Amino acid sequence: MVLINGLINAGVVLNLLPTTGLPFPFISYGGSSLFVHMTGVGILLNISKNLEPSFRDFTSELEREGWRK
């Protein structure tokens, strides 16, 4: 979402695309756009923080502790 808005704005600045009216992510004035982008990034950060370890991580941890040989 942020990357697409950034690329569209870069295309407008370089006169490759017509003027669209999309606010630049995290920089342009606009409360609803800023809220949506911050919410999206917050959700992604929360997902990445709360990922459970995979089975491979669990089995390699058991091997390091000497439970499996």
PDB file of N, CA and C in Angstrom:
ATOM      1  N   MET A   1       0.830  -1.184   0.000  1.00  0.00           N
ATOM      2  CA  MET A   1       0.000   0.000   0.000  1.00  0.00           C
ATOM      3  C   MET A   1       0.880   1.254   0.000  1.00  0.00           C
ATOM      4  N   VAL A   2       1.869   1.278   0.879  1.00  0.00           N
ATOM      5  CA  VAL A   2       2.750   2.436   0.962  1.00  0.00           C
ATOM      6  C   VAL A   2       3.624   2.514  -0.279  1.00  0.00           C
ATOM      7  N   LEU A   3       4.118   1.375  -0.735  1.00  0.00           N
ATOM      8  CA  LEU A   3       4.986   1.343  -1.910  1.00  0.00           C
ATOM      9  C   LEU A   3       4.249   1.803  -3.163  1.00  0.00           C
ATOM     10  N   ILE A   4       3.021   1.363  -3.331  1.00  0.00           N
ATOM     11  CA  ILE A   4       2.250   1.756  -4.514  1.00  0.00           C
ATOM     12  C   ILE A   4       1.985   3.259  -4.509  1.00  0.00           C
ATOM     13  N   ASN A   5       1.586   3.814  -3.354  1.00  0.00           N
ATOM     14  CA  ASN A   5       1.364   5.267  -3.277  1.00  0.00           C
ATOM     15  C   ASN A   5       2.647   6.032  -3.553  1.00  0.00           C
ATOM     16  N   GLY A   6       3.766   5.543  -3.031  1.00  0.00           N
ATOM     17  CA  GLY A   6       5.050   6.197  -3.274  1.00  0.00           C
ATOM     18  C   GLY A   6       5.446   6.162  -4.740  1.00  0.00           C
ATOM     19  N   LEU A   7       5.235   5.015  -5.391  1.00  0.00           N
ATOM     20  CA  LEU A   7       5.572   4.916  -6.816  1.00  0.00           C
ATOM     21  C   LEU A   7       4.678   5.806  -7.676  1.00  0.00           C
ATOM     22  N   ILE A   8       3.410   5.873  -7.354  1.00  0.00           N
ATOM     23  CA  ILE A   8       2.501   6.749  -8.113  1.00  0.00           C
ATOM     24  C   ILE A   8       2.914   8.204  -7.937  1.00  0.00           C
ATOM     25  N   ASN A   9       3.240   8.607  -6.709  1.00  0.00           N
ATOM     26  CA  ASN A   9       3.668   9.985  -6.485  1.00  0.00           C
ATOM     27  C   ASN A   9       4.979  10.280  -7.200  1.00  0.00           C
ATOM     28  N   ALA A  10       5.903   9.335  -7.215  1.00  0.00           N
ATOM     29  CA  ALA A  10       7.163   9.536  -7.935  1.00  0.00           C
ATOM     30  C   ALA A  10       6.900   9.682  -9.433  1.00  0.00           C
ATOM     31  N   GLY A  11       5.974   8.895  -9.970  1.00  0.00           N
ATOM     32  CA  GLY A  11       5.618   9.022 -11.382  1.00  0.00           C
ATOM     33  C   GLY A  11       4.996  10.364 -11.709  1.00  0.00           C
ATOM     34  N   VAL A  12       4.200  10.917 -10.803  1.00  0.00           N
ATOM     35  CA  VAL A  12       3.596  12.239 -11.011  1.00  0.00           C
ATOM     36  C   VAL A  12       4.678  13.317 -10.986  1.00  0.00           C
ATOM     37  N   VAL A  13       5.616  13.203 -10.052  1.00  0.00           N
ATOM     38  CA  VAL A  13       6.688  14.193  -9.951  1.00  0.00           C
ATOM     39  C   VAL A  13       7.567  14.179 -11.201  1.00  0.00           C
ATOM     40  N   LEU A  14       7.794  13.005 -11.757  1.00  0.00           N
ATOM     41  CA  LEU A  14       8.635  12.878 -12.953  1.00  0.00           C
ATOM     42  C   LEU A  14       7.857  13.086 -14.249  1.00  0.00           C
ATOM     43  N   ASN A  15       6.594  13.488 -14.150  1.00  0.00           N
ATOM     44  CA  ASN A  15       5.708  13.728 -15.293  1.00  0.00           C
ATOM     45  C   ASN A  15       5.511  12.475 -16.143  1.00  0.00           C
ATOM     46  N   LEU A  16       5.565  11.308 -15.539  1.00  0.00           N
ATOM     47  CA  LEU A  16       5.299  10.060 -16.234  1.00  0.00           C
ATOM     48  C   LEU A  16       3.835   9.651 -16.099  1.00  0.00           C
ATOM     49  N   LEU A  17       3.166  10.157 -15.061  1.00  0.00           N
ATOM     50  CA  LEU A  17       1.763   9.863 -14.804  1.00  0.00           C
ATOM     51  C   LEU A  17       0.996  11.169 -14.627  1.00  0.00           C
ATOM     52  N   PRO A  18      -0.301  11.146 -14.897  1.00  0.00           N
ATOM     53  CA  PRO A  18      -1.095  12.366 -14.655  1.00  0.00           C
ATOM     54  C   PRO A  18      -1.255  12.627 -13.158  1.00  0.00           C
ATOM     55  N   THR A  19      -1.533  13.866 -12.813  1.00  0.00           N
ATOM     56  CA  THR A  19      -1.736  14.235 -11.414  1.00  0.00           C
ATOM     57  C   THR A  19      -2.928  13.472 -10.861  1.00  0.00           C
ATOM     58  N   THR A  20      -2.742  12.840  -9.696  1.00  0.00           N
ATOM     59  CA  THR A  20      -3.786  11.968  -9.158  1.00  0.00           C
ATOM     60  C   THR A  20      -4.471  12.531  -7.924  1.00  0.00           C
ATOM     61  N   GLY A  21      -3.744  13.147  -7.031  1.00  0.00           N
ATOM     62  CA  GLY A  21      -4.325  13.642  -5.795  1.00  0.00           C
ATOM     63  C   GLY A  21      -4.113  12.712  -4.628  1.00  0.00           C
ATOM     64  N   LEU A  22      -3.309  11.669  -4.801  1.00  0.00           N
ATOM     65  CA  LEU A  22      -2.991  10.780  -3.685  1.00  0.00           C
ATOM     66  C   LEU A  22      -2.000  11.473  -2.755  1.00  0.00           C
ATOM     67  N   PRO A  23      -2.242  11.429  -1.461  1.00  0.00           N
ATOM     68  CA  PRO A  23      -1.273  12.017  -0.540  1.00  0.00           C
ATOM     69  C   PRO A  23      -0.032  11.131  -0.421  1.00  0.00           C
ATOM     70  N   PHE A  24       1.117  11.750  -0.229  1.00  0.00           N
ATOM     71  CA  PHE A  24       2.359  11.008  -0.078  1.00  0.00           C
ATOM     72  C   PHE A  24       2.361  10.335   1.282  1.00  0.00           C
ATOM     73  N   PRO A  25       2.650   9.017   1.344  1.00  0.00           N
ATOM     74  CA  PRO A  25       2.550   8.285   2.616  1.00  0.00           C
ATOM     75  C   PRO A  25       3.429   8.870   3.718  1.00  0.00           C
ATOM     76  N   PHE A  26       2.853   9.120   4.884  1.00  0.00           N
ATOM     77  CA  PHE A  26       3.513   9.595   6.106  1.00  0.00           C
ATOM     78  C   PHE A  26       4.056  11.017   6.010  1.00  0.00           C
ATOM     79  N   ILE A  27       3.916  11.681   4.887  1.00  0.00           N
ATOM     80  CA  ILE A  27       4.493  13.019   4.744  1.00  0.00           C
ATOM     81  C   ILE A  27       3.424  14.061   4.454  1.00  0.00           C
ATOM     82  N   SER A  28       2.555  13.818   3.488  1.00  0.00           N
ATOM     83  CA  SER A  28       1.561  14.804   3.088  1.00  0.00           C
ATOM     84  C   SER A  28       0.527  15.027   4.173  1.00  0.00           C
ATOM     85  N   TYR A  29      -0.055  16.215   4.158  1.00  0.00           N
ATOM     86  CA  TYR A  29      -1.098  16.557   5.106  1.00  0.00           C
ATOM     87  C   TYR A  29      -2.354  15.779   4.760  1.00  0.00           C
ATOM     88  N   GLY A  30      -2.953  15.145   5.721  1.00  0.00           N
ATOM     89  CA  GLY A  30      -4.191  14.402   5.519  1.00  0.00           C
ATOM     90  C   GLY A  30      -4.369  13.428   6.660  1.00  0.00           C
ATOM     91  N   GLY A  31      -5.322  13.684   7.500  1.00  0.00           N
ATOM     92  CA  GLY A  31      -5.492  12.875   8.695  1.00  0.00           C
ATOM     93  C   GLY A  31      -5.937  11.453   8.413  1.00  0.00           C
ATOM     94  N   SER A  32      -6.871  11.260   7.491  1.00  0.00           N
ATOM     95  CA  SER A  32      -7.369   9.909   7.240  1.00  0.00           C
ATOM     96  C   SER A  32      -6.308   9.055   6.564  1.00  0.00           C
ATOM     97  N   SER A  33      -5.552   9.615   5.651  1.00  0.00           N
ATOM     98  CA  SER A  33      -4.488   8.864   4.987  1.00  0.00           C
ATOM     99  C   SER A  33      -3.405   8.468   5.985  1.00  0.00           C
ATOM    100  N   LEU A  34      -3.023   9.398   6.828  1.00  0.00           N
ATOM    101  CA  LEU A  34      -2.009   9.103   7.841  1.00  0.00           C
ATOM    102  C   LEU A  34      -2.506   8.022   8.797  1.00  0.00           C
ATOM    103  N   PHE A  35      -3.758   8.100   9.191  1.00  0.00           N
ATOM    104  CA  PHE A  35      -4.339   7.103  10.087  1.00  0.00           C
ATOM    105  C   PHE A  35      -4.343   5.721   9.444  1.00  0.00           C
ATOM    106  N   VAL A  36      -4.741   5.625   8.191  1.00  0.00           N
ATOM    107  CA  VAL A  36      -4.806   4.331   7.501  1.00  0.00           C
ATOM    108  C   VAL A  36      -3.411   3.736   7.344  1.00  0.00           C
ATOM    109  N   HIS A  37      -2.432   4.553   6.958  1.00  0.00           N
ATOM    110  CA  HIS A  37      -1.075   4.045   6.788  1.00  0.00           C
ATOM    111  C   HIS A  37      -0.462   3.612   8.133  1.00  0.00           C
ATOM    112  N   MET A  38      -0.656   4.405   9.161  1.00  0.00           N
ATOM    113  CA  MET A  38      -0.122   4.040  10.474  1.00  0.00           C
ATOM    114  C   MET A  38      -0.789   2.767  11.004  1.00  0.00           C
ATOM    115  N   THR A  39      -2.090   2.630  10.790  1.00  0.00           N
ATOM    116  CA  THR A  39      -2.798   1.428  11.217  1.00  0.00           C
ATOM    117  C   THR A  39      -2.271   0.205  10.473  1.00  0.00           C
ATOM    118  N   GLY A  40      -2.074   0.325   9.169  1.00  0.00           N
ATOM    119  CA  GLY A  40      -1.556  -0.781   8.375  1.00  0.00           C
ATOM    120  C   GLY A  40      -0.170  -1.209   8.813  1.00  0.00           C
ATOM    121  N   VAL A  41       0.708  -0.257   9.052  1.00  0.00           N
ATOM    122  CA  VAL A  41       2.063  -0.573   9.506  1.00  0.00           C
ATOM    123  C   VAL A  41       2.019  -1.172  10.906  1.00  0.00           C
ATOM    124  N   GLY A  42       1.151  -0.668  11.765  1.00  0.00           N
ATOM    125  CA  GLY A  42       1.016  -1.219  13.109  1.00  0.00           C
ATOM    126  C   GLY A  42       0.548  -2.665  13.094  1.00  0.00           C
ATOM    127  N   ILE A  43      -0.385  -2.982  12.216  1.00  0.00           N
ATOM    128  CA  ILE A  43      -0.858  -4.365  12.097  1.00  0.00           C
ATOM    129  C   ILE A  43       0.270  -5.269  11.618  1.00  0.00           C
ATOM    130  N   LEU A  44       1.037  -4.818  10.625  1.00  0.00           N
ATOM    131  CA  LEU A  44       2.161  -5.625  10.131  1.00  0.00           C
ATOM    132  C   LEU A  44       3.219  -5.834  11.205  1.00  0.00           C
ATOM    133  N   LEU A  45       3.509  -4.799  11.983  1.00  0.00           N
ATOM    134  CA  LEU A  45       4.489  -4.942  13.055  1.00  0.00           C
ATOM    135  C   LEU A  45       3.997  -5.900  14.137  1.00  0.00           C
ATOM    136  N   ASN A  46       2.705  -5.844  14.452  1.00  0.00           N
ATOM    137  CA  ASN A  46       2.139  -6.742  15.448  1.00  0.00           C
ATOM    138  C   ASN A  46       2.189  -8.189  14.966  1.00  0.00           C
ATOM    139  N   ILE A  47       1.893  -8.413  13.691  1.00  0.00           N
ATOM    140  CA  ILE A  47       1.958  -9.768  13.143  1.00  0.00           C
ATOM    141  C   ILE A  47       3.384 -10.288  13.198  1.00  0.00           C
ATOM    142  N   SER A  48       4.344  -9.467  12.805  1.00  0.00           N
ATOM    143  CA  SER A  48       5.736  -9.927  12.786  1.00  0.00           C
ATOM    144  C   SER A  48       6.268 -10.165  14.196  1.00  0.00           C
ATOM    145  N   LYS A  49       5.765  -9.434  15.163  1.00  0.00           N
ATOM    146  CA  LYS A  49       6.222  -9.610  16.547  1.00  0.00           C
ATOM    147  C   LYS A  49       5.665 -10.879  17.163  1.00  0.00           C
ATOM    148  N   ASN A  50       4.463 -11.252  16.806  1.00  0.00           N
ATOM    149  CA  ASN A  50       3.776 -12.371  17.444  1.00  0.00           C
ATOM    150  C   ASN A  50       3.798 -13.659  16.636  1.00  0.00           C
ATOM    151  N   LEU A  51       4.716 -13.789  15.702  1.00  0.00           N
ATOM    152  CA  LEU A  51       4.802 -15.029  14.942  1.00  0.00           C
ATOM    153  C   LEU A  51       5.291 -16.157  15.842  1.00  0.00           C
ATOM    154  N   GLU A  52       4.635 -17.289  15.745  1.00  0.00           N
ATOM    155  CA  GLU A  52       5.053 -18.441  16.519  1.00  0.00           C
ATOM    156  C   GLU A  52       6.195 -19.137  15.789  1.00  0.00           C
ATOM    157  N   PRO A  53       7.116 -19.736  16.524  1.00  0.00           N
ATOM    158  CA  PRO A  53       8.220 -20.431  15.853  1.00  0.00           C
ATOM    159  C   PRO A  53       7.711 -21.643  15.073  1.00  0.00           C
ATOM    160  N   SER A  54       8.385 -21.964  13.999  1.00  0.00           N
ATOM    161  CA  SER A  54       7.978 -23.100  13.186  1.00  0.00           C
ATOM    162  C   SER A  54       8.421 -24.408  13.836  1.00  0.00           C
ATOM    163  N   PHE A  55       7.949 -25.502  13.285  1.00  0.00           N
ATOM    164  CA  PHE A  55       8.317 -26.815  13.802  1.00  0.00           C
ATOM    165  C   PHE A  55       9.817 -27.033  13.658  1.00  0.00           C
ATOM    166  N   ARG A  56      10.405 -26.537  12.563  1.00  0.00           N
ATOM    167  CA  ARG A  56      11.840 -26.676  12.348  1.00  0.00           C
ATOM    168  C   ARG A  56      12.624 -25.971  13.454  1.00  0.00           C
ATOM    169  N   ASP A  57      12.189 -24.782  13.842  1.00  0.00           N
ATOM    170  CA  ASP A  57      12.855 -24.066  14.931  1.00  0.00           C
ATOM    171  C   ASP A  57      12.751 -24.845  16.239  1.00  0.00           C
ATOM    172  N   PHE A  58      11.591 -25.454  16.470  1.00  0.00           N
ATOM    173  CA  PHE A  58      11.372 -26.195  17.706  1.00  0.00           C
ATOM    174  C   PHE A  58      12.264 -27.434  17.760  1.00  0.00           C
ATOM    175  N   THR A  59      12.340 -28.185  16.653  1.00  0.00           N
ATOM    176  CA  THR A  59      13.150 -29.405  16.655  1.00  0.00           C
ATOM    177  C   THR A  59      14.636 -29.087  16.750  1.00  0.00           C
ATOM    178  N   SER A  60      15.089 -28.018  16.103  1.00  0.00           N
ATOM    179  CA  SER A  60      16.507 -27.675  16.220  1.00  0.00           C
ATOM    180  C   SER A  60      16.838 -27.216  17.635  1.00  0.00           C
ATOM    181  N   GLU A  61      15.888 -26.599  18.332  1.00  0.00           N
ATOM    182  CA  GLU A  61      16.110 -26.212  19.725  1.00  0.00           C
ATOM    183  C   GLU A  61      16.222 -27.447  20.613  1.00  0.00           C
ATOM    184  N   LEU A  62      15.401 -28.460  20.335  1.00  0.00           N
ATOM    185  CA  LEU A  62      15.490 -29.708  21.095  1.00  0.00           C
ATOM    186  C   LEU A  62      16.845 -30.381  20.877  1.00  0.00           C
ATOM    187  N   GLU A  63      17.339 -30.343  19.644  1.00  0.00           N
ATOM    188  CA  GLU A  63      18.635 -30.950  19.352  1.00  0.00           C
ATOM    189  C   GLU A  63      19.758 -30.214  20.076  1.00  0.00           C
ATOM    190  N   ARG A  64      19.662 -28.897  20.141  1.00  0.00           N
ATOM    191  CA  ARG A  64      20.686 -28.123  20.848  1.00  0.00           C
ATOM    192  C   ARG A  64      20.700 -28.451  22.330  1.00  0.00           C
ATOM    193  N   GLU A  65      19.538 -28.758  22.892  1.00  0.00           N
ATOM    194  CA  GLU A  65      19.459 -29.087  24.314  1.00  0.00           C
ATOM    195  C   GLU A  65      19.775 -30.552  24.577  1.00  0.00           C
ATOM    196  N   GLY A  66      19.979 -31.353  23.551  1.00  0.00           N
ATOM    197  CA  GLY A  66      20.358 -32.742  23.715  1.00  0.00           C
ATOM    198  C   GLY A  66      19.194 -33.710  23.854  1.00  0.00           C
ATOM    199  N   TRP A  67      17.989 -33.309  23.499  1.00  0.00           N
ATOM    200  CA  TRP A  67      16.823 -34.188  23.632  1.00  0.00           C
ATOM    201  C   TRP A  67      16.708 -35.162  22.469  1.00  0.00           C
ATOM    202  N   ARG A  68      17.155 -34.754  21.298  1.00  0.00           N
ATOM    203  CA  ARG A  68      17.062 -35.631  20.120  1.00  0.00           C
ATOM    204  C   ARG A  68      18.456 -35.872  19.582  1.00  0.00           C
ATOM    205  N   LYS A  69      18.687 -37.093  19.181  1.00  0.00           N
ATOM    206  CA  LYS A  69      19.973 -37.412  18.564  1.00  0.00           C
ATOM    207  C   LYS A  69      19.778 -38.265  17.353  1.00  0.00           C
TER     208      LYS A  69
END
